Amino acid sequence: MHTWWVVLGLGGAGASLGILLVQVLFWQRLRRVGADPVGIFTQGVALGWVGVPLTVLHVILFLLLTRLDQPGWWIGGVVTVLSMPVRRLLNLRAIAVIVRGIGYEHGPVVDRDGVRVDGQPYWRLVLSWYRHEYTGRAVGDVVAIKILGLLVHLLFWPLAALGAQASHVLMCQDPADALGHSTDGHERPGDAFRALGTPYVKFAARDPR
């Protein structure tokens, strides 16, 4: 039985490192081509604030399996559940940096209250995000989904952790994904941010305005 835990632990750690490697290679390719300055900037920020920290956390959790066997499984599940708000904080840290360096064709990024995100201190952005997440329309549905997510992260944490590592690097690069809420009252979360139009690196020559 111990062999199974070793295989699972080493395989999970390798998969986590592999996800990061693919993301880094994609970023390096963007830099070599040089045709997407927005992607170069946002991918770099996402890797620094989200990709690398999550990889470190997940590798540690998977390696625990090789030493602790079944107790390591439950420790991994509990830590993965507890890391959910940590992932959100990293996600918001990345988008806070991104909206300060990226502009949009149809105006600045504003939250549901109409406050510019690039002018908010980080802690205020965090408080604003959580307030908007749990107030507004269909809050009960949001809470039910969160509870289901907690159970999935506890019972199937290797898949949940690897999936979150891959998806959060992508999500934190787009205001619609990073700042949108089901409680906003739109057809899809983040619809208000999708109307911002073409992004551009601020002060770059390709500013469409």
C-alpha atoms as a PDB file:
ATOM      1  CA  MET A   1       0.000   0.000   0.000  1.00  0.00           C
ATOM      2  CA  HIS A   2       2.883   2.333   0.761  1.00  0.00           C
ATOM      3  CA  THR A   3       4.036   2.016  -2.839  1.00  0.00           C
ATOM      4  CA  TRP A   4       0.679   3.391  -4.024  1.00  0.00           C
ATOM      5  CA  TRP A   5       1.051   6.495  -1.868  1.00  0.00           C
ATOM      6  CA  VAL A   6       4.602   7.018  -3.108  1.00  0.00           C
ATOM      7  CA  VAL A   7       3.491   6.747  -6.732  1.00  0.00           C
ATOM      8  CA  LEU A   8       0.558   9.118  -6.155  1.00  0.00           C
ATOM      9  CA  GLY A   9       2.717  11.605  -4.281  1.00  0.00           C
ATOM     10  CA  LEU A  10       5.551  11.664  -6.795  1.00  0.00           C
ATOM     11  CA  GLY A  11       3.120  11.711  -9.708  1.00  0.00           C
ATOM     12  CA  GLY A  12       1.202  14.637  -8.251  1.00  0.00           C
ATOM     13  CA  ALA A  13       4.367  16.594  -7.494  1.00  0.00           C
ATOM     14  CA  GLY A  14       5.585  15.954 -11.037  1.00  0.00           C
ATOM     15  CA  ALA A  15       2.247  17.046 -12.490  1.00  0.00           C
ATOM     16  CA  SER A  16       2.328  20.263 -10.483  1.00  0.00           C
ATOM     17  CA  LEU A  17       5.834  21.059 -11.663  1.00  0.00           C
ATOM     18  CA  GLY A  18       4.813  20.107 -15.206  1.00  0.00           C
ATOM     19  CA  ILE A  19       1.917  22.569 -15.168  1.00  0.00           C
ATOM     20  CA  LEU A  20       4.258  25.346 -14.076  1.00  0.00           C
ATOM     21  CA  LEU A  21       6.799  24.356 -16.741  1.00  0.00           C
ATOM     22  CA  VAL A  22       4.183  24.535 -19.496  1.00  0.00           C
ATOM     23  CA  GLN A  23       3.044  27.942 -18.264  1.00  0.00           C
ATOM     24  CA  VAL A  24       6.615  29.249 -18.128  1.00  0.00           C
ATOM     25  CA  LEU A  25       7.395  27.918 -21.608  1.00  0.00           C
ATOM     26  CA  PHE A  26       4.253  29.590 -22.952  1.00  0.00           C
ATOM     27  CA  TRP A  27       5.340  32.879 -21.367  1.00  0.00           C
ATOM     28  CA  GLN A  28       8.833  32.559 -22.805  1.00  0.00           C
ATOM     29  CA  ARG A  29       7.367  31.926 -26.230  1.00  0.00           C
ATOM     30  CA  LEU A  30       5.278  35.093 -25.925  1.00  0.00           C
ATOM     31  CA  ARG A  31       8.415  37.021 -25.023  1.00  0.00           C
ATOM     32  CA  ARG A  32      10.377  35.610 -27.972  1.00  0.00           C
ATOM     33  CA  VAL A  33       7.644  36.421 -30.485  1.00  0.00           C
ATOM     34  CA  GLY A  34       7.005  39.830 -28.926  1.00  0.00           C
ATOM     35  CA  ALA A  35       3.676  40.327 -30.705  1.00  0.00           C
ATOM     36  CA  ASP A  36       1.495  40.295 -27.569  1.00  0.00           C
ATOM     37  CA  PRO A  37       2.761  42.830 -25.004  1.00  0.00           C
ATOM     38  CA  VAL A  38      -0.426  42.454 -22.957  1.00  0.00           C
ATOM     39  CA  GLY A  39      -0.013  38.688 -22.716  1.00  0.00           C
ATOM     40  CA  ILE A  40       3.676  39.021 -21.856  1.00  0.00           C
ATOM     41  CA  PHE A  41       2.855  41.352 -18.971  1.00  0.00           C
ATOM     42  CA  THR A  42      -0.182  39.542 -17.577  1.00  0.00           C
ATOM     43  CA  GLN A  43       1.320  36.046 -17.869  1.00  0.00           C
ATOM     44  CA  GLY A  44       4.456  37.172 -16.072  1.00  0.00           C
ATOM     45  CA  VAL A  45       2.472  38.714 -13.232  1.00  0.00           C
ATOM     46  CA  ALA A  46       0.236  35.636 -12.986  1.00  0.00           C
ATOM     47  CA  LEU A  47       3.204  33.283 -12.767  1.00  0.00           C
ATOM     48  CA  GLY A  48       4.931  35.359 -10.112  1.00  0.00           C
ATOM     49  CA  TRP A  49       1.943  35.894  -7.844  1.00  0.00           C
ATOM     50  CA  VAL A  50      -0.107  32.733  -8.475  1.00  0.00           C
ATOM     51  CA  GLY A  51       1.685  30.026 -10.469  1.00  0.00           C
ATOM     52  CA  VAL A  52       4.898  29.735  -8.460  1.00  0.00           C
ATOM     53  CA  PRO A  53       3.350  29.961  -4.940  1.00  0.00           C
ATOM     54  CA  LEU A  54       0.678  27.364  -5.754  1.00  0.00           C
ATOM     55  CA  THR A  55       3.259  25.041  -7.271  1.00  0.00           C
ATOM     56  CA  VAL A  56       5.376  25.203  -4.112  1.00  0.00           C
ATOM     57  CA  LEU A  57       2.342  24.486  -1.920  1.00  0.00           C
ATOM     58  CA  HIS A  58       1.130  21.577  -4.036  1.00  0.00           C
ATOM     59  CA  VAL A  59       4.539  19.945  -4.372  1.00  0.00           C
ATOM     60  CA  ILE A  60       4.887  19.991  -0.580  1.00  0.00           C
ATOM     61  CA  LEU A  61       1.431  18.433  -0.140  1.00  0.00           C
ATOM     62  CA  PHE A  62       2.104  15.681  -2.670  1.00  0.00           C
ATOM     63  CA  LEU A  63       5.471  14.871  -1.151  1.00  0.00           C
ATOM     64  CA  LEU A  64       3.773  14.465   2.237  1.00  0.00           C
ATOM     65  CA  LEU A  65       1.936  11.504   0.733  1.00  0.00           C
ATOM     66  CA  THR A  66       5.197   9.693   0.133  1.00  0.00           C
ATOM     67  CA  ARG A  67       6.052   9.910   3.852  1.00  0.00           C
ATOM     68  CA  LEU A  68       2.730   9.902   5.713  1.00  0.00           C
ATOM     69  CA  ASP A  69       0.603   7.592   3.544  1.00  0.00           C
ATOM     70  CA  GLN A  70      -3.127   7.825   4.402  1.00  0.00           C
ATOM     71  CA  PRO A  71      -2.761  10.546   7.078  1.00  0.00           C
ATOM     72  CA  GLY A  72      -0.964  12.556   4.410  1.00  0.00           C
ATOM     73  CA  TRP A  73      -4.040  12.231   2.207  1.00  0.00           C
ATOM     74  CA  TRP A  74      -6.301  13.825   4.796  1.00  0.00           C
ATOM     75  CA  ILE A  75      -3.729  16.458   5.685  1.00  0.00           C
ATOM     76  CA  GLY A  76      -3.550  17.313   1.979  1.00  0.00           C
ATOM     77  CA  GLY A  77      -7.330  17.565   1.786  1.00  0.00           C
ATOM     78  CA  VAL A  78      -7.616  19.837   4.809  1.00  0.00           C
ATOM     79  CA  VAL A  79      -4.750  22.080   3.648  1.00  0.00           C
ATOM     80  CA  THR A  80      -6.233  22.290   0.150  1.00  0.00           C
ATOM     81  CA  VAL A  81      -9.553  23.416   1.641  1.00  0.00           C
ATOM     82  CA  LEU A  82      -7.794  25.976   3.810  1.00  0.00           C
ATOM     83  CA  SER A  83      -5.797  27.183   0.810  1.00  0.00           C
ATOM     84  CA  MET A  84      -8.924  28.184  -1.117  1.00  0.00           C
ATOM     85  CA  PRO A  85      -9.020  31.710   0.373  1.00  0.00           C
ATOM     86  CA  VAL A  86      -5.241  31.910  -0.017  1.00  0.00           C
ATOM     87  CA  ARG A  87      -5.633  31.250  -3.747  1.00  0.00           C
ATOM     88  CA  ARG A  88      -8.205  34.032  -3.900  1.00  0.00           C
ATOM     89  CA  LEU A  89      -5.862  36.444  -2.149  1.00  0.00           C
ATOM     90  CA  LEU A  90      -3.088  35.606  -4.610  1.00  0.00           C
ATOM     91  CA  ASN A  91      -5.532  35.947  -7.498  1.00  0.00           C
ATOM     92  CA  LEU A  92      -6.600  39.400  -6.328  1.00  0.00           C
ATOM     93  CA  ARG A  93      -2.984  40.423  -5.756  1.00  0.00           C
ATOM     94  CA  ALA A  94      -2.193  39.533  -9.362  1.00  0.00           C
ATOM     95  CA  ILE A  95      -5.196  41.350 -10.853  1.00  0.00           C
ATOM     96  CA  ALA A  96      -4.413  44.395  -8.684  1.00  0.00           C
ATOM     97  CA  VAL A  97      -0.975  44.557 -10.286  1.00  0.00           C
ATOM     98  CA  ILE A  98      -2.341  43.860 -13.766  1.00  0.00           C
ATOM     99  CA  VAL A  99      -4.982  46.621 -13.796  1.00  0.00           C
ATOM    100  CA  ARG A 100      -2.295  49.126 -12.855  1.00  0.00           C
ATOM    101  CA  GLY A 101      -0.241  48.173 -15.896  1.00  0.00           C
ATOM    102  CA  ILE A 102      -3.004  47.401 -18.396  1.00  0.00           C
ATOM    103  CA  GLY A 103      -5.595  49.813 -19.766  1.00  0.00           C
ATOM    104  CA  TYR A 104      -8.769  49.070 -21.713  1.00  0.00           C
ATOM    105  CA  GLU A 105     -10.271  50.592 -24.803  1.00  0.00           C
ATOM    106  CA  HIS A 106     -13.562  51.598 -23.171  1.00  0.00           C
ATOM    107  CA  GLY A 107     -12.300  52.873 -19.864  1.00  0.00           C
ATOM    108  CA  PRO A 108     -10.789  51.799 -16.545  1.00  0.00           C
ATOM    109  CA  VAL A 109     -11.765  48.716 -14.549  1.00  0.00           C
ATOM    110  CA  VAL A 110     -14.370  49.606 -11.908  1.00  0.00           C
ATOM    111  CA  ASP A 111     -16.069  47.353  -9.365  1.00  0.00           C
ATOM    112  CA  ARG A 112     -19.809  46.945  -8.852  1.00  0.00           C
ATOM    113  CA  ASP A 113     -19.917  50.175  -6.841  1.00  0.00           C
ATOM    114  CA  GLY A 114     -18.258  52.107  -9.653  1.00  0.00           C
ATOM    115  CA  VAL A 115     -14.929  52.466  -7.809  1.00  0.00           C
ATOM    116  CA  ARG A 116     -11.786  52.217  -9.910  1.00  0.00           C
ATOM    117  CA  VAL A 117      -9.906  49.046  -9.061  1.00  0.00           C
ATOM    118  CA  ASP A 118      -6.499  50.443  -9.994  1.00  0.00           C
ATOM    119  CA  GLY A 119      -6.924  53.190  -7.412  1.00  0.00           C
ATOM    120  CA  GLN A 120      -7.825  50.945  -4.478  1.00  0.00           C
ATOM    121  CA  PRO A 121      -5.342  49.693  -1.885  1.00  0.00           C
ATOM    122  CA  TYR A 122      -5.001  45.911  -2.042  1.00  0.00           C
ATOM    123  CA  TRP A 123      -6.734  45.302   1.285  1.00  0.00           C
ATOM    124  CA  ARG A 124      -9.720  47.371   0.162  1.00  0.00           C
ATOM    125  CA  LEU A 125      -9.935  45.400  -3.078  1.00  0.00           C
ATOM    126  CA  VAL A 126     -10.031  42.180  -1.039  1.00  0.00           C
ATOM    127  CA  LEU A 127     -12.793  43.483   1.230  1.00  0.00           C
ATOM    128  CA  SER A 128     -14.739  44.743  -1.796  1.00  0.00           C
ATOM    129  CA  TRP A 129     -14.450  41.405  -3.582  1.00  0.00           C
ATOM    130  CA  TYR A 130     -15.748  39.400  -0.643  1.00  0.00           C
ATOM    131  CA  ARG A 131     -18.562  41.857   0.009  1.00  0.00           C
ATOM    132  CA  HIS A 132     -19.702  41.647  -3.604  1.00  0.00           C
ATOM    133  CA  GLU A 133     -19.329  37.862  -3.654  1.00  0.00           C
ATOM    134  CA  TYR A 134     -21.771  37.399  -0.767  1.00  0.00           C
ATOM    135  CA  THR A 135     -24.266  40.200  -1.376  1.00  0.00           C
ATOM    136  CA  GLY A 136     -26.613  40.800  -4.294  1.00  0.00           C
ATOM    137  CA  ARG A 137     -28.638  38.324  -6.309  1.00  0.00           C
ATOM    138  CA  ALA A 138     -28.692  34.552  -5.818  1.00  0.00           C
ATOM    139  CA  VAL A 139     -26.378  34.568  -2.798  1.00  0.00           C
ATOM    140  CA  GLY A 140     -27.838  31.226  -1.704  1.00  0.00           C
ATOM    141  CA  ASP A 141     -26.685  29.612  -4.935  1.00  0.00           C
ATOM    142  CA  VAL A 142     -23.184  30.992  -4.426  1.00  0.00           C
ATOM    143  CA  VAL A 143     -23.010  29.597  -0.889  1.00  0.00           C
ATOM    144  CA  ALA A 144     -24.275  26.181  -2.064  1.00  0.00           C
ATOM    145  CA  ILE A 145     -21.600  26.057  -4.770  1.00  0.00           C
ATOM    146  CA  LYS A 146     -18.940  27.016  -2.225  1.00  0.00           C
ATOM    147  CA  ILE A 147     -20.007  24.196   0.101  1.00  0.00           C
ATOM    148  CA  LEU A 148     -19.904  21.716  -2.768  1.00  0.00           C
ATOM    149  CA  GLY A 149     -16.466  23.026  -3.689  1.00  0.00           C
ATOM    150  CA  LEU A 150     -15.250  22.483  -0.130  1.00  0.00           C
ATOM    151  CA  LEU A 151     -16.331  18.840  -0.253  1.00  0.00           C
ATOM    152  CA  VAL A 152     -14.667  18.294  -3.636  1.00  0.00           C
ATOM    153  CA  HIS A 153     -11.446  19.865  -2.394  1.00  0.00           C
ATOM    154  CA  LEU A 154     -11.486  17.709   0.731  1.00  0.00           C
ATOM    155  CA  LEU A 155     -12.259  14.370  -0.903  1.00  0.00           C
ATOM    156  CA  PHE A 156     -10.553  14.789  -4.290  1.00  0.00           C
ATOM    157  CA  TRP A 157      -7.874  17.311  -3.407  1.00  0.00           C
ATOM    158  CA  PRO A 158      -5.174  16.139  -5.862  1.00  0.00           C
ATOM    159  CA  LEU A 159      -7.418  16.832  -8.853  1.00  0.00           C
ATOM    160  CA  ALA A 160      -8.823  20.002  -7.290  1.00  0.00           C
ATOM    161  CA  ALA A 161      -5.367  21.337  -6.461  1.00  0.00           C
ATOM    162  CA  LEU A 162      -3.915  20.695  -9.922  1.00  0.00           C
ATOM    163  CA  GLY A 163      -7.003  22.078 -11.631  1.00  0.00           C
ATOM    164  CA  ALA A 164      -6.898  25.224  -9.510  1.00  0.00           C
ATOM    165  CA  GLN A 165      -3.197  25.696 -10.177  1.00  0.00           C
ATOM    166  CA  ALA A 166      -3.792  25.663 -13.921  1.00  0.00           C
ATOM    167  CA  SER A 167      -7.007  27.702 -13.934  1.00  0.00           C
ATOM    168  CA  HIS A 168      -6.088  30.451 -11.467  1.00  0.00           C
ATOM    169  CA  VAL A 169      -3.065  31.489 -13.522  1.00  0.00           C
ATOM    170  CA  LEU A 170      -5.470  32.101 -16.395  1.00  0.00           C
ATOM    171  CA  MET A 171      -8.307  33.587 -14.339  1.00  0.00           C
ATOM    172  CA  CYS A 172      -6.249  36.253 -12.607  1.00  0.00           C
ATOM    173  CA  GLN A 173      -5.226  37.780 -15.960  1.00  0.00           C
ATOM    174  CA  ASP A 174      -8.755  38.846 -16.961  1.00  0.00           C
ATOM    175  CA  PRO A 175     -10.949  41.216 -14.899  1.00  0.00           C
ATOM    176  CA  ALA A 176     -14.063  39.309 -16.034  1.00  0.00           C
ATOM    177  CA  ASP A 177     -12.754  36.112 -14.424  1.00  0.00           C
ATOM    178  CA  ALA A 178     -10.889  37.644 -11.485  1.00  0.00           C
ATOM    179  CA  LEU A 179     -13.467  40.236 -10.428  1.00  0.00           C
ATOM    180  CA  GLY A 180     -16.802  38.979 -11.791  1.00  0.00           C
ATOM    181  CA  HIS A 181     -19.469  37.608  -9.432  1.00  0.00           C
ATOM    182  CA  SER A 182     -22.568  35.491  -9.916  1.00  0.00           C
ATOM    183  CA  THR A 183     -24.303  37.962  -7.609  1.00  0.00           C
ATOM    184  CA  ASP A 184     -23.748  40.869 -10.045  1.00  0.00           C
ATOM    185  CA  GLY A 185     -27.070  40.186 -11.758  1.00  0.00           C
ATOM    186  CA  HIS A 186     -25.698  39.712 -15.279  1.00  0.00           C
ATOM    187  CA  GLU A 187     -26.278  36.730 -17.527  1.00  0.00           C
ATOM    188  CA  ARG A 188     -22.707  35.567 -16.866  1.00  0.00           C
ATOM    189  CA  PRO A 189     -20.316  36.548 -14.084  1.00  0.00           C
ATOM    190  CA  GLY A 190     -18.033  39.305 -15.300  1.00  0.00           C
ATOM    191  CA  ASP A 191     -20.191  40.487 -18.218  1.00  0.00           C
ATOM    192  CA  ALA A 192     -19.668  44.121 -17.195  1.00  0.00           C
ATOM    193  CA  PHE A 193     -15.911  43.707 -17.569  1.00  0.00           C
ATOM    194  CA  ARG A 194     -16.206  42.088 -20.997  1.00  0.00           C
ATOM    195  CA  ALA A 195     -17.482  45.418 -22.297  1.00  0.00           C
ATOM    196  CA  LEU A 196     -14.142  47.071 -21.537  1.00  0.00           C
ATOM    197  CA  GLY A 197     -12.865  46.212 -24.997  1.00  0.00           C
ATOM    198  CA  THR A 198      -9.301  45.751 -26.193  1.00  0.00           C
ATOM    199  CA  PRO A 199      -6.595  45.740 -23.489  1.00  0.00           C
ATOM    200  CA  TYR A 200      -3.291  47.523 -23.993  1.00  0.00           C
ATOM    201  CA  VAL A 201      -0.126  48.086 -21.995  1.00  0.00           C
ATOM    202  CA  LYS A 202      -0.306  51.594 -20.538  1.00  0.00           C
ATOM    203  CA  PHE A 203       2.017  54.146 -22.108  1.00  0.00           C
ATOM    204  CA  ALA A 204       2.698  51.738 -25.008  1.00  0.00           C
ATOM    205  CA  ALA A 205       2.620  52.921 -28.592  1.00  0.00           C
ATOM    206  CA  ARG A 206      -0.336  50.640 -29.354  1.00  0.00           C
ATOM    207  CA  ASP A 207      -2.756  52.471 -27.071  1.00  0.00           C
ATOM    208  CA  PRO A 208      -5.993  52.302 -29.166  1.00  0.00           C
ATOM    209  CA  ARG A 209      -7.325  55.494 -27.663  1.00  0.00           C
END
